[in-house]
Amino acid sequence: MHRFKVGQSVRYNASTARRFGSSASFKIVKLLPPEGGFPQYRIKSPSEAHERIAMENELNQDF
């Protein structure tokens, strides 16, 4: 069961996102099947041309 929904804003906490700073916001673009027990998501930052794949444990709700 996915915790986040398509269109929701989230913070990406993986080490590769550190260059965006702690306030980097991404949007959930697509829900993906789980891998290793964690649901996966396709996410997109408005400042990037490409999308990323993130595990649910790498995301937090963006307020």
C-alpha atoms as a PDB file:
ATOM      1  CA  MET A   1       0.000   0.000   0.000  1.00  0.00           C
ATOM      2  CA  HIS A   2       1.451   3.361  -1.045  1.00  0.00           C
ATOM      3  CA  ARG A   3       1.536   6.145   1.560  1.00  0.00           C
ATOM      4  CA  PHE A   4       1.724   8.986  -0.995  1.00  0.00           C
ATOM      5  CA  LYS A   5      -0.555   9.822  -3.929  1.00  0.00           C
ATOM      6  CA  VAL A   6       0.118  10.957  -7.496  1.00  0.00           C
ATOM      7  CA  GLY A   7       0.420  14.757  -7.569  1.00  0.00           C
ATOM      8  CA  GLN A   8       1.466  15.024  -3.914  1.00  0.00           C
ATOM      9  CA  SER A   9       4.530  17.117  -2.996  1.00  0.00           C
ATOM     10  CA  VAL A  10       7.246  15.275  -1.065  1.00  0.00           C
ATOM     11  CA  ARG A  11      10.805  15.786   0.149  1.00  0.00           C
ATOM     12  CA  TYR A  12      13.399  13.370  -1.180  1.00  0.00           C
ATOM     13  CA  ASN A  13      15.907  12.425   1.532  1.00  0.00           C
ATOM     14  CA  ALA A  14      18.330  10.220  -0.396  1.00  0.00           C
ATOM     15  CA  SER A  15      21.992  11.273  -0.405  1.00  0.00           C
ATOM     16  CA  THR A  16      21.795  12.071  -4.126  1.00  0.00           C
ATOM     17  CA  ALA A  17      19.219  14.783  -3.363  1.00  0.00           C
ATOM     18  CA  ARG A  18      21.478  16.665  -0.936  1.00  0.00           C
ATOM     19  CA  ARG A  19      22.625  18.978  -3.679  1.00  0.00           C
ATOM     20  CA  PHE A  20      19.063  20.367  -3.801  1.00  0.00           C
ATOM     21  CA  GLY A  21      19.131  21.401  -0.141  1.00  0.00           C
ATOM     22  CA  SER A  22      16.709  20.364   2.567  1.00  0.00           C
ATOM     23  CA  SER A  23      13.810  22.289   1.058  1.00  0.00           C
ATOM     24  CA  ALA A  24      13.907  20.474  -2.293  1.00  0.00           C
ATOM     25  CA  SER A  25      10.391  19.541  -3.280  1.00  0.00           C
ATOM     26  CA  PHE A  26       9.409  16.778  -5.679  1.00  0.00           C
ATOM     27  CA  LYS A  27       6.019  15.726  -7.025  1.00  0.00           C
ATOM     28  CA  ILE A  28       4.833  12.133  -7.162  1.00  0.00           C
ATOM     29  CA  VAL A  29       4.386  11.334 -10.861  1.00  0.00           C
ATOM     30  CA  LYS A  30       3.586   7.609 -10.737  1.00  0.00           C
ATOM     31  CA  LEU A  31       3.152   4.773  -8.227  1.00  0.00           C
ATOM     32  CA  LEU A  32       5.459   1.809  -8.875  1.00  0.00           C
ATOM     33  CA  PRO A  33       5.462  -1.775  -7.548  1.00  0.00           C
ATOM     34  CA  PRO A  34       7.291  -2.469  -4.274  1.00  0.00           C
ATOM     35  CA  GLU A  35      10.925  -3.538  -4.206  1.00  0.00           C
ATOM     36  CA  GLY A  36      12.588  -4.935  -1.097  1.00  0.00           C
ATOM     37  CA  GLY A  37       9.402  -4.445   0.906  1.00  0.00           C
ATOM     38  CA  PHE A  38       9.091  -0.710   0.157  1.00  0.00           C
ATOM     39  CA  PRO A  39       6.681   0.863  -2.324  1.00  0.00           C
ATOM     40  CA  GLN A  40       8.428   2.841  -5.060  1.00  0.00           C
ATOM     41  CA  TYR A  41       7.519   6.113  -6.729  1.00  0.00           C
ATOM     42  CA  ARG A  42       8.497   8.021  -9.841  1.00  0.00           C
ATOM     43  CA  ILE A  43       9.178  11.605  -8.704  1.00  0.00           C
ATOM     44  CA  LYS A  44       9.995  14.865 -10.501  1.00  0.00           C
ATOM     45  CA  SER A  45      11.586  18.114  -9.390  1.00  0.00           C
ATOM     46  CA  PRO A  46      10.522  21.309 -11.187  1.00  0.00           C
ATOM     47  CA  SER A  47      14.219  22.214 -11.462  1.00  0.00           C
ATOM     48  CA  GLU A  48      15.169  19.027 -13.368  1.00  0.00           C
ATOM     49  CA  ALA A  49      14.278  17.762 -16.832  1.00  0.00           C
ATOM     50  CA  HIS A  50      14.342  14.090 -15.782  1.00  0.00           C
ATOM     51  CA  GLU A  51      12.372  11.962 -13.322  1.00  0.00           C
ATOM     52  CA  ARG A  52      13.770   9.830 -10.512  1.00  0.00           C
ATOM     53  CA  ILE A  53      12.696   6.605  -8.841  1.00  0.00           C
ATOM     54  CA  ALA A  54      12.508   6.755  -5.043  1.00  0.00           C
ATOM     55  CA  MET A  55      11.677   4.225  -2.366  1.00  0.00           C
ATOM     56  CA  GLU A  56       8.986   5.197   0.125  1.00  0.00           C
ATOM     57  CA  ASN A  57      11.497   5.203   2.995  1.00  0.00           C
ATOM     58  CA  GLU A  58      13.432   7.985   1.165  1.00  0.00           C
ATOM     59  CA  LEU A  59      10.415  10.324   1.084  1.00  0.00           C
ATOM     60  CA  ASN A  60       8.720  12.591   3.619  1.00  0.00           C
ATOM     61  CA  GLN A  61       5.551  14.607   3.307  1.00  0.00           C
ATOM     62  CA  ASP A  62       6.312  18.159   2.135  1.00  0.00           C
ATOM     63  CA  PHE A  63       4.479  20.789   4.161  1.00  0.00           C
END
